[in-house]
Protein backbone atom coordinates (compact mmCIF):
# COMPACT_ATOMS: atom_id res chain seq x y z
CA UNK A 1 76.61 162.49 143.23
CA UNK A 2 77.90 163.07 146.75
CA UNK A 3 81.56 162.93 147.73
CA UNK A 4 81.24 159.43 149.20
CA UNK A 5 79.90 158.05 145.91
CA UNK A 6 82.62 159.84 143.95
CA UNK A 7 85.31 158.41 146.23
CA UNK A 8 83.86 154.91 145.91
CA UNK A 9 83.82 155.15 142.11
CA UNK A 10 87.44 156.31 141.97
CA UNK A 11 88.48 153.58 144.38
CA UNK A 12 86.64 150.90 142.37
CA UNK A 13 88.14 152.05 139.05
CA UNK A 14 91.60 150.92 140.19
CA UNK A 15 90.50 147.39 141.05
CA UNK A 16 90.96 144.27 138.96
CA UNK A 17 87.97 142.35 137.67
CA UNK A 18 88.48 139.67 140.34
CA UNK A 19 88.62 142.31 143.07
CA UNK A 20 85.42 143.93 141.80
CA UNK A 21 83.67 140.54 141.66
CA UNK A 22 84.89 139.71 145.16
CA UNK A 23 83.58 142.98 146.56
CA UNK A 24 80.24 142.61 144.75
CA UNK A 25 79.76 139.09 146.09
CA UNK A 26 80.61 140.17 149.63
CA UNK A 27 78.37 143.23 149.38
CA UNK A 28 75.35 141.22 148.21
CA UNK A 29 75.99 138.49 150.81
CA UNK A 30 76.22 141.17 153.50
CA UNK A 31 72.95 142.75 152.39
CA UNK A 32 71.20 139.36 152.50
CA UNK A 33 72.76 138.60 155.88
CA UNK A 34 71.63 141.94 157.31
CA UNK A 35 68.08 141.10 156.26
CA UNK A 36 68.37 137.60 157.74
CA UNK A 37 69.76 138.90 161.05
CA UNK A 38 67.13 141.66 161.34
CA UNK A 39 64.27 139.80 159.72
CA UNK A 40 61.28 141.56 161.22
CA UNK A 41 62.66 145.04 160.53
CA UNK A 42 64.21 144.35 157.12
CA UNK A 43 62.25 141.58 155.40
CA UNK A 44 60.56 144.18 153.19
CA UNK A 45 64.03 144.79 151.66
CA UNK A 46 64.31 141.15 150.58
CA UNK A 47 63.00 141.50 146.99
CA UNK A 48 65.45 144.30 146.21
CA UNK A 49 68.41 142.43 147.75
CA UNK A 50 67.49 139.24 145.89
CA UNK A 51 67.22 141.15 142.62
CA UNK A 52 70.69 142.67 143.12
CA UNK A 53 72.10 139.23 143.82
CA UNK A 54 70.36 137.82 140.75
CA UNK A 55 71.78 140.61 138.57
CA UNK A 56 75.26 139.92 139.91
CA UNK A 57 74.96 136.21 139.13
CA UNK A 58 73.55 137.00 135.69
CA UNK A 59 76.70 139.00 134.99
CA UNK A 60 78.91 136.18 136.29
CA UNK A 61 77.09 133.53 134.27
CA UNK A 62 77.15 135.66 131.13
CA UNK A 63 80.89 136.22 131.53
CA UNK A 64 81.43 132.45 131.58
CA UNK A 65 79.89 132.26 128.10
CA UNK A 66 82.14 134.92 126.59
CA UNK A 67 84.66 133.63 124.05
CA UNK A 68 87.54 135.39 125.79
CA UNK A 69 86.69 134.06 129.26
CA UNK A 70 89.98 132.76 130.70
CA UNK A 71 88.38 130.23 133.05
CA UNK A 72 88.74 126.49 132.60
CA UNK A 73 85.71 124.71 131.18
CA UNK A 74 84.99 123.03 134.53
CA UNK A 75 84.97 126.41 136.32
CA UNK A 76 82.66 127.85 133.68
CA UNK A 77 80.26 124.94 134.07
CA UNK A 78 80.33 125.19 137.87
CA UNK A 79 79.62 128.94 137.85
CA UNK A 80 76.77 128.49 135.38
CA UNK A 81 75.31 125.66 137.49
CA UNK A 82 75.59 127.79 140.63
CA UNK A 83 73.86 130.61 138.76
CA UNK A 84 70.97 128.35 137.81
CA UNK A 85 70.64 127.23 141.43
CA UNK A 86 70.69 130.85 142.62
CA UNK A 87 68.06 131.84 140.07
CA UNK A 88 65.80 128.98 141.20
CA UNK A 89 66.31 129.79 144.90
CA UNK A 90 65.66 133.47 144.23
CA UNK A 91 62.42 132.71 142.38
CA UNK A 92 61.33 130.35 145.16
CA UNK A 93 61.94 133.03 147.80
CA UNK A 94 60.20 135.73 145.79
CA UNK A 95 57.18 133.50 145.19
CA UNK A 96 56.93 132.31 148.81
CA UNK A 97 54.06 133.71 150.81
CA UNK A 98 56.02 133.27 154.04
CA UNK A 99 59.78 133.08 153.35
CA UNK A 100 62.03 132.21 156.29
CA UNK A 101 65.28 134.01 157.11
CA UNK A 102 67.26 130.74 157.21
CA UNK A 103 66.39 130.20 153.54
CA UNK A 104 68.92 132.94 152.77
CA UNK A 105 71.80 130.95 154.26
CA UNK A 106 72.65 129.07 151.08
CA UNK A 107 72.76 132.25 148.98
CA UNK A 108 74.95 133.97 151.57
CA UNK A 109 77.25 130.95 151.83
CA UNK A 110 77.66 130.60 148.07
CA UNK A 111 78.52 134.27 147.64
CA UNK A 112 81.00 134.22 150.51
CA UNK A 113 82.66 130.99 149.36
CA UNK A 114 83.09 132.25 145.80
CA UNK A 115 84.39 135.59 147.12
CA UNK A 116 86.85 133.72 149.35
CA UNK A 117 88.10 131.70 146.38
CA UNK A 118 88.52 134.82 144.26
CA UNK A 119 90.38 136.56 147.09
CA UNK A 120 92.73 133.59 147.41
CA UNK A 121 93.45 133.78 143.68
CA UNK A 122 94.15 137.51 143.97
CA UNK A 123 96.51 136.92 146.91
CA UNK A 124 98.28 134.09 145.10
CA UNK A 125 98.80 136.28 142.03
CA UNK A 126 100.16 139.10 144.18
CA UNK A 127 102.62 136.71 145.83
CA UNK A 128 103.87 135.28 142.54
CA UNK A 129 107.57 135.98 141.94
CA UNK A 130 106.95 137.86 138.69
CA UNK A 131 104.24 140.11 140.15
CA UNK A 132 105.48 143.71 140.44
CA UNK A 133 104.31 144.00 144.04
CA UNK A 134 106.02 140.82 145.16
CA UNK A 135 108.76 140.99 147.75
CA UNK A 136 111.14 139.17 145.39
CA UNK A 137 111.29 142.10 143.00
CA UNK A 138 111.41 144.71 145.74
CA UNK A 139 114.47 143.03 147.29
């Protein structure tokens, strides 16, 4: 393991679950977007990027089925439905003989929108009056 990987692992170990999920969603969306934006040079990387995204969504969907999952039932259902859509889109792209870069837009948009929502929840929690890092307690 090189020093960059070691630093990344230490940095990630201090993050909350929501922060890790946010980063993972952004990272996979960025990888898909890089392929889309540089299609001719990077389209051979598409299967690997799609598989990483599918694994991420498998983890998210599985978490929604855990008995200790704190999410509301409607959120759980929505995440599972999004996962099913992502799995279908991924299979369609992998099976296509001539996939198009614009077909990645929906996967990128979903990841970024979910990441944005998670980030907003993180920011709201940090701004809550009883959060240790809030300005209320510091003052």
